[in-house]
Amino acid sequence: MPNTIEITRLSKEEKLRLMEAIWEELTKEVDSIESPDWHRQKLEETSRRLEEGQEPIKDWQEAKADLRKRFE
């Protein structure tokens, strides 16, 4: 790979930005990505817990801020 970077040398903030960029790029191809069966099962479990009031809810901005704080 000609543009290989050493992830271990990146700061936590740089790693998070890289992860966000990769995720954003992957979501552009959402129709061509097949989700594995275990993922469907986990989503169903989470959905059930949500319906039963056992799953905490955070909006994306709050969740992203919490993750950034955790990895500072």
PDB file of N, CA and C in Angstrom:
ATOM      1  N   MET A   1       0.856  -1.169   0.000  1.00  0.00           N
ATOM      2  CA  MET A   1       0.000   0.000   0.000  1.00  0.00           C
ATOM      3  C   MET A   1       0.906   1.238   0.000  1.00  0.00           C
ATOM      4  N   PRO A   2       0.855   2.056  -1.023  1.00  0.00           N
ATOM      5  CA  PRO A   2       1.790   3.170  -1.143  1.00  0.00           C
ATOM      6  C   PRO A   2       1.614   4.278  -0.105  1.00  0.00           C
ATOM      7  N   ASN A   3       0.416   4.510   0.389  1.00  0.00           N
ATOM      8  CA  ASN A   3       0.161   5.588   1.343  1.00  0.00           C
ATOM      9  C   ASN A   3      -0.070   5.065   2.756  1.00  0.00           C
ATOM     10  N   THR A   4       0.622   4.012   3.108  1.00  0.00           N
ATOM     11  CA  THR A   4       0.458   3.424   4.430  1.00  0.00           C
ATOM     12  C   THR A   4       0.932   4.409   5.497  1.00  0.00           C
ATOM     13  N   ILE A   5       0.126   4.556   6.557  1.00  0.00           N
ATOM     14  CA  ILE A   5       0.511   5.399   7.683  1.00  0.00           C
ATOM     15  C   ILE A   5       0.665   4.526   8.903  1.00  0.00           C
ATOM     16  N   GLU A   6       1.467   4.972   9.829  1.00  0.00           N
ATOM     17  CA  GLU A   6       1.623   4.226  11.066  1.00  0.00           C
ATOM     18  C   GLU A   6       0.626   4.765  12.081  1.00  0.00           C
ATOM     19  N   ILE A   7      -0.424   4.027  12.284  1.00  0.00           N
ATOM     20  CA  ILE A   7      -1.504   4.447  13.170  1.00  0.00           C
ATOM     21  C   ILE A   7      -1.007   4.657  14.584  1.00  0.00           C
ATOM     22  N   THR A   8      -0.049   3.874  15.003  1.00  0.00           N
ATOM     23  CA  THR A   8       0.446   4.002  16.378  1.00  0.00           C
ATOM     24  C   THR A   8       1.065   5.364  16.655  1.00  0.00           C
ATOM     25  N   ARG A   9       1.484   6.061  15.632  1.00  0.00           N
ATOM     26  CA  ARG A   9       2.100   7.380  15.812  1.00  0.00           C
ATOM     27  C   ARG A   9       1.069   8.510  15.871  1.00  0.00           C
ATOM     28  N   LEU A  10      -0.168   8.211  15.533  1.00  0.00           N
ATOM     29  CA  LEU A  10      -1.211   9.238  15.546  1.00  0.00           C
ATOM     30  C   LEU A  10      -1.685   9.507  16.964  1.00  0.00           C
ATOM     31  N   SER A  11      -2.098  10.745  17.204  1.00  0.00           N
ATOM     32  CA  SER A  11      -2.705  11.068  18.497  1.00  0.00           C
ATOM     33  C   SER A  11      -4.110  10.467  18.535  1.00  0.00           C
ATOM     34  N   LYS A  12      -4.693  10.428  19.711  1.00  0.00           N
ATOM     35  CA  LYS A  12      -6.063   9.907  19.828  1.00  0.00           C
ATOM     36  C   LYS A  12      -7.024  10.730  18.982  1.00  0.00           C
ATOM     37  N   GLU A  13      -6.845  12.041  18.995  1.00  0.00           N
ATOM     38  CA  GLU A  13      -7.720  12.907  18.198  1.00  0.00           C
ATOM     39  C   GLU A  13      -7.568  12.602  16.709  1.00  0.00           C
ATOM     40  N   GLU A  14      -6.343  12.401  16.248  1.00  0.00           N
ATOM     41  CA  GLU A  14      -6.118  12.072  14.839  1.00  0.00           C
ATOM     42  C   GLU A  14      -6.729  10.718  14.493  1.00  0.00           C
ATOM     43  N   LYS A  15      -6.617   9.760  15.401  1.00  0.00           N
ATOM     44  CA  LYS A  15      -7.208   8.443  15.162  1.00  0.00           C
ATOM     45  C   LYS A  15      -8.723   8.535  15.049  1.00  0.00           C
ATOM     46  N   LEU A  16      -9.341   9.327  15.924  1.00  0.00           N
ATOM     47  CA  LEU A  16     -10.798   9.488  15.857  1.00  0.00           C
ATOM     48  C   LEU A  16     -11.216  10.167  14.557  1.00  0.00           C
ATOM     49  N   ARG A  17     -10.475  11.181  14.142  1.00  0.00           N
ATOM     50  CA  ARG A  17     -10.799  11.843  12.872  1.00  0.00           C
ATOM     51  C   ARG A  17     -10.652  10.879  11.707  1.00  0.00           C
ATOM     52  N   LEU A  18      -9.626  10.042  11.759  1.00  0.00           N
ATOM     53  CA  LEU A  18      -9.425   9.042  10.715  1.00  0.00           C
ATOM     54  C   LEU A  18     -10.575   8.043  10.695  1.00  0.00           C
ATOM     55  N   MET A  19     -10.986   7.587  11.884  1.00  0.00           N
ATOM     56  CA  MET A  19     -12.115   6.653  11.967  1.00  0.00           C
ATOM     57  C   MET A  19     -13.383   7.286  11.398  1.00  0.00           C
ATOM     58  N   GLU A  20     -13.627   8.549  11.721  1.00  0.00           N
ATOM     59  CA  GLU A  20     -14.819   9.231  11.207  1.00  0.00           C
ATOM     60  C   GLU A  20     -14.760   9.342   9.690  1.00  0.00           C
ATOM     61  N   ALA A  21     -13.580   9.649   9.146  1.00  0.00           N
ATOM     62  CA  ALA A  21     -13.434   9.762   7.695  1.00  0.00           C
ATOM     63  C   ALA A  21     -13.675   8.413   7.015  1.00  0.00           C
ATOM     64  N   ILE A  22     -13.140   7.352   7.616  1.00  0.00           N
ATOM     65  CA  ILE A  22     -13.348   6.010   7.058  1.00  0.00           C
ATOM     66  C   ILE A  22     -14.831   5.645   7.112  1.00  0.00           C
ATOM     67  N   TRP A  23     -15.462   5.903   8.256  1.00  0.00           N
ATOM     68  CA  TRP A  23     -16.890   5.586   8.392  1.00  0.00           C
ATOM     69  C   TRP A  23     -17.717   6.361   7.368  1.00  0.00           C
ATOM     70  N   GLU A  24     -17.416   7.636   7.214  1.00  0.00           N
ATOM     71  CA  GLU A  24     -18.163   8.451   6.247  1.00  0.00           C
ATOM     72  C   GLU A  24     -18.009   7.893   4.838  1.00  0.00           C
ATOM     73  N   GLU A  25     -16.813   7.479   4.491  1.00  0.00           N
ATOM     74  CA  GLU A  25     -16.570   6.905   3.171  1.00  0.00           C
ATOM     75  C   GLU A  25     -17.319   5.583   3.000  1.00  0.00           C
ATOM     76  N   LEU A  26     -17.299   4.742   4.033  1.00  0.00           N
ATOM     77  CA  LEU A  26     -18.005   3.459   3.952  1.00  0.00           C
ATOM     78  C   LEU A  26     -19.510   3.646   3.806  1.00  0.00           C
ATOM     79  N   THR A  27     -20.072   4.665   4.470  1.00  0.00           N
ATOM     80  CA  THR A  27     -21.523   4.857   4.397  1.00  0.00           C
ATOM     81  C   THR A  27     -21.976   5.279   3.005  1.00  0.00           C
ATOM     82  N   LYS A  28     -21.064   5.739   2.174  1.00  0.00           N
ATOM     83  CA  LYS A  28     -21.411   6.070   0.784  1.00  0.00           C
ATOM     84  C   LYS A  28     -21.684   4.802  -0.017  1.00  0.00           C
ATOM     85  N   GLU A  29     -21.190   3.669   0.461  1.00  0.00           N
ATOM     86  CA  GLU A  29     -21.328   2.391  -0.235  1.00  0.00           C
ATOM     87  C   GLU A  29     -22.293   1.459   0.482  1.00  0.00           C
ATOM     88  N   VAL A  30     -23.202   2.016   1.262  1.00  0.00           N
ATOM     89  CA  VAL A  30     -24.056   1.210   2.137  1.00  0.00           C
ATOM     90  C   VAL A  30     -24.837   0.120   1.391  1.00  0.00           C
ATOM     91  N   ASP A  31     -25.232   0.370   0.165  1.00  0.00           N
ATOM     92  CA  ASP A  31     -26.012  -0.627  -0.571  1.00  0.00           C
ATOM     93  C   ASP A  31     -25.185  -1.844  -0.982  1.00  0.00           C
ATOM     94  N   SER A  32     -23.869  -1.679  -1.069  1.00  0.00           N
ATOM     95  CA  SER A  32     -23.028  -2.794  -1.509  1.00  0.00           C
ATOM     96  C   SER A  32     -22.405  -3.569  -0.346  1.00  0.00           C
ATOM     97  N   ILE A  33     -22.706  -3.160   0.890  1.00  0.00           N
ATOM     98  CA  ILE A  33     -22.139  -3.831   2.061  1.00  0.00           C
ATOM     99  C   ILE A  33     -23.200  -4.728   2.683  1.00  0.00           C
ATOM    100  N   GLU A  34     -22.889  -6.011   2.780  1.00  0.00           N
ATOM    101  CA  GLU A  34     -23.824  -6.944   3.392  1.00  0.00           C
ATOM    102  C   GLU A  34     -23.491  -7.101   4.869  1.00  0.00           C
ATOM    103  N   SER A  35     -24.463  -6.858   5.698  1.00  0.00           N
ATOM    104  CA  SER A  35     -24.272  -6.951   7.140  1.00  0.00           C
ATOM    105  C   SER A  35     -24.285  -8.412   7.569  1.00  0.00           C
ATOM    106  N   PRO A  36     -23.362  -8.815   8.450  1.00  0.00           N
ATOM    107  CA  PRO A  36     -23.352 -10.211   8.907  1.00  0.00           C
ATOM    108  C   PRO A  36     -24.546 -10.523   9.803  1.00  0.00           C
ATOM    109  N   ASP A  37     -24.873 -11.792   9.906  1.00  0.00           N
ATOM    110  CA  ASP A  37     -26.030 -12.236  10.674  1.00  0.00           C
ATOM    111  C   ASP A  37     -25.929 -11.841  12.145  1.00  0.00           C
ATOM    112  N   TRP A  38     -24.719 -11.920  12.740  1.00  0.00           N
ATOM    113  CA  TRP A  38     -24.570 -11.568  14.150  1.00  0.00           C
ATOM    114  C   TRP A  38     -24.933 -10.102  14.387  1.00  0.00           C
ATOM    115  N   HIS A  39     -24.702  -9.271  13.385  1.00  0.00           N
ATOM    116  CA  HIS A  39     -25.017  -7.847  13.520  1.00  0.00           C
ATOM    117  C   HIS A  39     -26.531  -7.643  13.551  1.00  0.00           C
ATOM    118  N   ARG A  40     -27.243  -8.357  12.689  1.00  0.00           N
ATOM    119  CA  ARG A  40     -28.704  -8.285  12.683  1.00  0.00           C
ATOM    120  C   ARG A  40     -29.255  -8.713  14.036  1.00  0.00           C
ATOM    121  N   GLN A  41     -28.680  -9.779  14.602  1.00  0.00           N
ATOM    122  CA  GLN A  41     -29.122 -10.268  15.904  1.00  0.00           C
ATOM    123  C   GLN A  41     -28.904  -9.218  16.997  1.00  0.00           C
ATOM    124  N   LYS A  42     -27.746  -8.564  16.981  1.00  0.00           N
ATOM    125  CA  LYS A  42     -27.460  -7.524  17.974  1.00  0.00           C
ATOM    126  C   LYS A  42     -28.419  -6.350  17.827  1.00  0.00           C
ATOM    127  N   LEU A  43     -28.717  -5.972  16.588  1.00  0.00           N
ATOM    128  CA  LEU A  43     -29.676  -4.883  16.364  1.00  0.00           C
ATOM    129  C   LEU A  43     -31.054  -5.255  16.883  1.00  0.00           C
ATOM    130  N   GLU A  44     -31.460  -6.502  16.672  1.00  0.00           N
ATOM    131  CA  GLU A  44     -32.759  -6.956  17.178  1.00  0.00           C
ATOM    132  C   GLU A  44     -32.793  -6.943  18.705  1.00  0.00           C
ATOM    133  N   GLU A  45     -31.683  -7.358  19.345  1.00  0.00           N
ATOM    134  CA  GLU A  45     -31.605  -7.327  20.808  1.00  0.00           C
ATOM    135  C   GLU A  45     -31.710  -5.895  21.330  1.00  0.00           C
ATOM    136  N   THR A  46     -30.998  -4.996  20.688  1.00  0.00           N
ATOM    137  CA  THR A  46     -31.031  -3.588  21.101  1.00  0.00           C
ATOM    138  C   THR A  46     -32.422  -3.006  20.906  1.00  0.00           C
ATOM    139  N   SER A  47     -33.059  -3.345  19.800  1.00  0.00           N
ATOM    140  CA  SER A  47     -34.412  -2.876  19.528  1.00  0.00           C
ATOM    141  C   SER A  47     -35.382  -3.369  20.598  1.00  0.00           C
ATOM    142  N   ARG A  48     -35.240  -4.636  20.981  1.00  0.00           N
ATOM    143  CA  ARG A  48     -36.097  -5.199  22.032  1.00  0.00           C
ATOM    144  C   ARG A  48     -35.882  -4.465  23.349  1.00  0.00           C
ATOM    145  N   ARG A  49     -34.609  -4.229  23.727  1.00  0.00           N
ATOM    146  CA  ARG A  49     -34.319  -3.516  24.977  1.00  0.00           C
ATOM    147  C   ARG A  49     -34.862  -2.088  24.925  1.00  0.00           C
ATOM    148  N   LEU A  50     -34.810  -1.471  23.769  1.00  0.00           N
ATOM    149  CA  LEU A  50     -35.344  -0.120  23.602  1.00  0.00           C
ATOM    150  C   LEU A  50     -36.851  -0.115  23.822  1.00  0.00           C
ATOM    151  N   GLU A  51     -37.536  -1.075  23.220  1.00  0.00           N
ATOM    152  CA  GLU A  51     -38.992  -1.180  23.390  1.00  0.00           C
ATOM    153  C   GLU A  51     -39.379  -1.442  24.842  1.00  0.00           C
ATOM    154  N   GLU A  52     -38.522  -2.156  25.566  1.00  0.00           N
ATOM    155  CA  GLU A  52     -38.795  -2.472  26.969  1.00  0.00           C
ATOM    156  C   GLU A  52     -38.309  -1.390  27.929  1.00  0.00           C
ATOM    157  N   GLY A  53     -37.743  -0.319  27.383  1.00  0.00           N
ATOM    158  CA  GLY A  53     -37.268   0.780  28.215  1.00  0.00           C
ATOM    159  C   GLY A  53     -35.973   0.481  28.949  1.00  0.00           C
ATOM    160  N   GLN A  54     -35.227  -0.501  28.477  1.00  0.00           N
ATOM    161  CA  GLN A  54     -33.984  -0.902  29.131  1.00  0.00           C
ATOM    162  C   GLN A  54     -32.747  -0.380  28.409  1.00  0.00           C
ATOM    163  N   GLU A  55     -32.926   0.362  27.340  1.00  0.00           N
ATOM    164  CA  GLU A  55     -31.797   0.848  26.541  1.00  0.00           C
ATOM    165  C   GLU A  55     -31.745   2.367  26.627  1.00  0.00           C
ATOM    166  N   PRO A  56     -30.624   2.924  27.138  1.00  0.00           N
ATOM    167  CA  PRO A  56     -30.522   4.384  27.220  1.00  0.00           C
ATOM    168  C   PRO A  56     -30.444   5.002  25.821  1.00  0.00           C
ATOM    169  N   ILE A  57     -30.966   6.209  25.695  1.00  0.00           N
ATOM    170  CA  ILE A  57     -30.993   6.891  24.402  1.00  0.00           C
ATOM    171  C   ILE A  57     -30.161   8.159  24.496  1.00  0.00           C
ATOM    172  N   LYS A  58     -29.283   8.346  23.507  1.00  0.00           N
ATOM    173  CA  LYS A  58     -28.501   9.571  23.364  1.00  0.00           C
ATOM    174  C   LYS A  58     -28.581   9.987  21.906  1.00  0.00           C
ATOM    175  N   ASP A  59     -28.629  11.301  21.670  1.00  0.00           N
ATOM    176  CA  ASP A  59     -28.570  11.719  20.272  1.00  0.00           C
ATOM    177  C   ASP A  59     -27.113  11.617  19.812  1.00  0.00           C
ATOM    178  N   TRP A  60     -26.911  11.619  18.505  1.00  0.00           N
ATOM    179  CA  TRP A  60     -25.594  11.374  17.940  1.00  0.00           C
ATOM    180  C   TRP A  60     -24.574  12.410  18.395  1.00  0.00           C
ATOM    181  N   GLN A  61     -24.943  13.678  18.456  1.00  0.00           N
ATOM    182  CA  GLN A  61     -23.997  14.719  18.863  1.00  0.00           C
ATOM    183  C   GLN A  61     -23.502  14.480  20.290  1.00  0.00           C
ATOM    184  N   GLU A  62     -24.412  14.121  21.189  1.00  0.00           N
ATOM    185  CA  GLU A  62     -24.047  13.839  22.575  1.00  0.00           C
ATOM    186  C   GLU A  62     -23.152  12.595  22.662  1.00  0.00           C
ATOM    187  N   ALA A  63     -23.512  11.555  21.935  1.00  0.00           N
ATOM    188  CA  ALA A  63     -22.725  10.324  21.945  1.00  0.00           C
ATOM    189  C   ALA A  63     -21.322  10.581  21.392  1.00  0.00           C
ATOM    190  N   LYS A  64     -21.236  11.343  20.312  1.00  0.00           N
ATOM    191  CA  LYS A  64     -19.938  11.645  19.711  1.00  0.00           C
ATOM    192  C   LYS A  64     -19.075  12.466  20.676  1.00  0.00           C
ATOM    193  N   ALA A  65     -19.674  13.442  21.358  1.00  0.00           N
ATOM    194  CA  ALA A  65     -18.942  14.246  22.341  1.00  0.00           C
ATOM    195  C   ALA A  65     -18.432  13.374  23.478  1.00  0.00           C
ATOM    196  N   ASP A  66     -19.265  12.443  23.955  1.00  0.00           N
ATOM    197  CA  ASP A  66     -18.865  11.531  25.017  1.00  0.00           C
ATOM    198  C   ASP A  66     -17.674  10.665  24.584  1.00  0.00           C
ATOM    199  N   LEU A  67     -17.723  10.171  23.352  1.00  0.00           N
ATOM    200  CA  LEU A  67     -16.609   9.354  22.842  1.00  0.00           C
ATOM    201  C   LEU A  67     -15.335  10.169  22.738  1.00  0.00           C
ATOM    202  N   ARG A  68     -15.462  11.382  22.270  1.00  0.00           N
ATOM    203  CA  ARG A  68     -14.269  12.230  22.159  1.00  0.00           C
ATOM    204  C   ARG A  68     -13.646  12.493  23.531  1.00  0.00           C
ATOM    205  N   LYS A  69     -14.473  12.743  24.523  1.00  0.00           N
ATOM    206  CA  LYS A  69     -13.973  12.969  25.880  1.00  0.00           C
ATOM    207  C   LYS A  69     -13.267  11.706  26.397  1.00  0.00           C
ATOM    208  N   ARG A  70     -13.847  10.559  26.121  1.00  0.00           N
ATOM    209  CA  ARG A  70     -13.286   9.306  26.606  1.00  0.00           C
ATOM    210  C   ARG A  70     -11.893   9.065  26.039  1.00  0.00           C
ATOM    211  N   PHE A  71     -11.669   9.479  24.791  1.00  0.00           N
ATOM    212  CA  PHE A  71     -10.410   9.179  24.129  1.00  0.00           C
ATOM    213  C   PHE A  71      -9.443  10.361  24.060  1.00  0.00           C
ATOM    214  N   GLU A  72      -9.686  11.382  24.852  1.00  0.00           N
ATOM    215  CA  GLU A  72      -8.758  12.530  24.897  1.00  0.00           C
ATOM    216  C   GLU A  72      -7.471  12.148  25.565  1.00  0.00           C
TER     217      GLU A  72
END
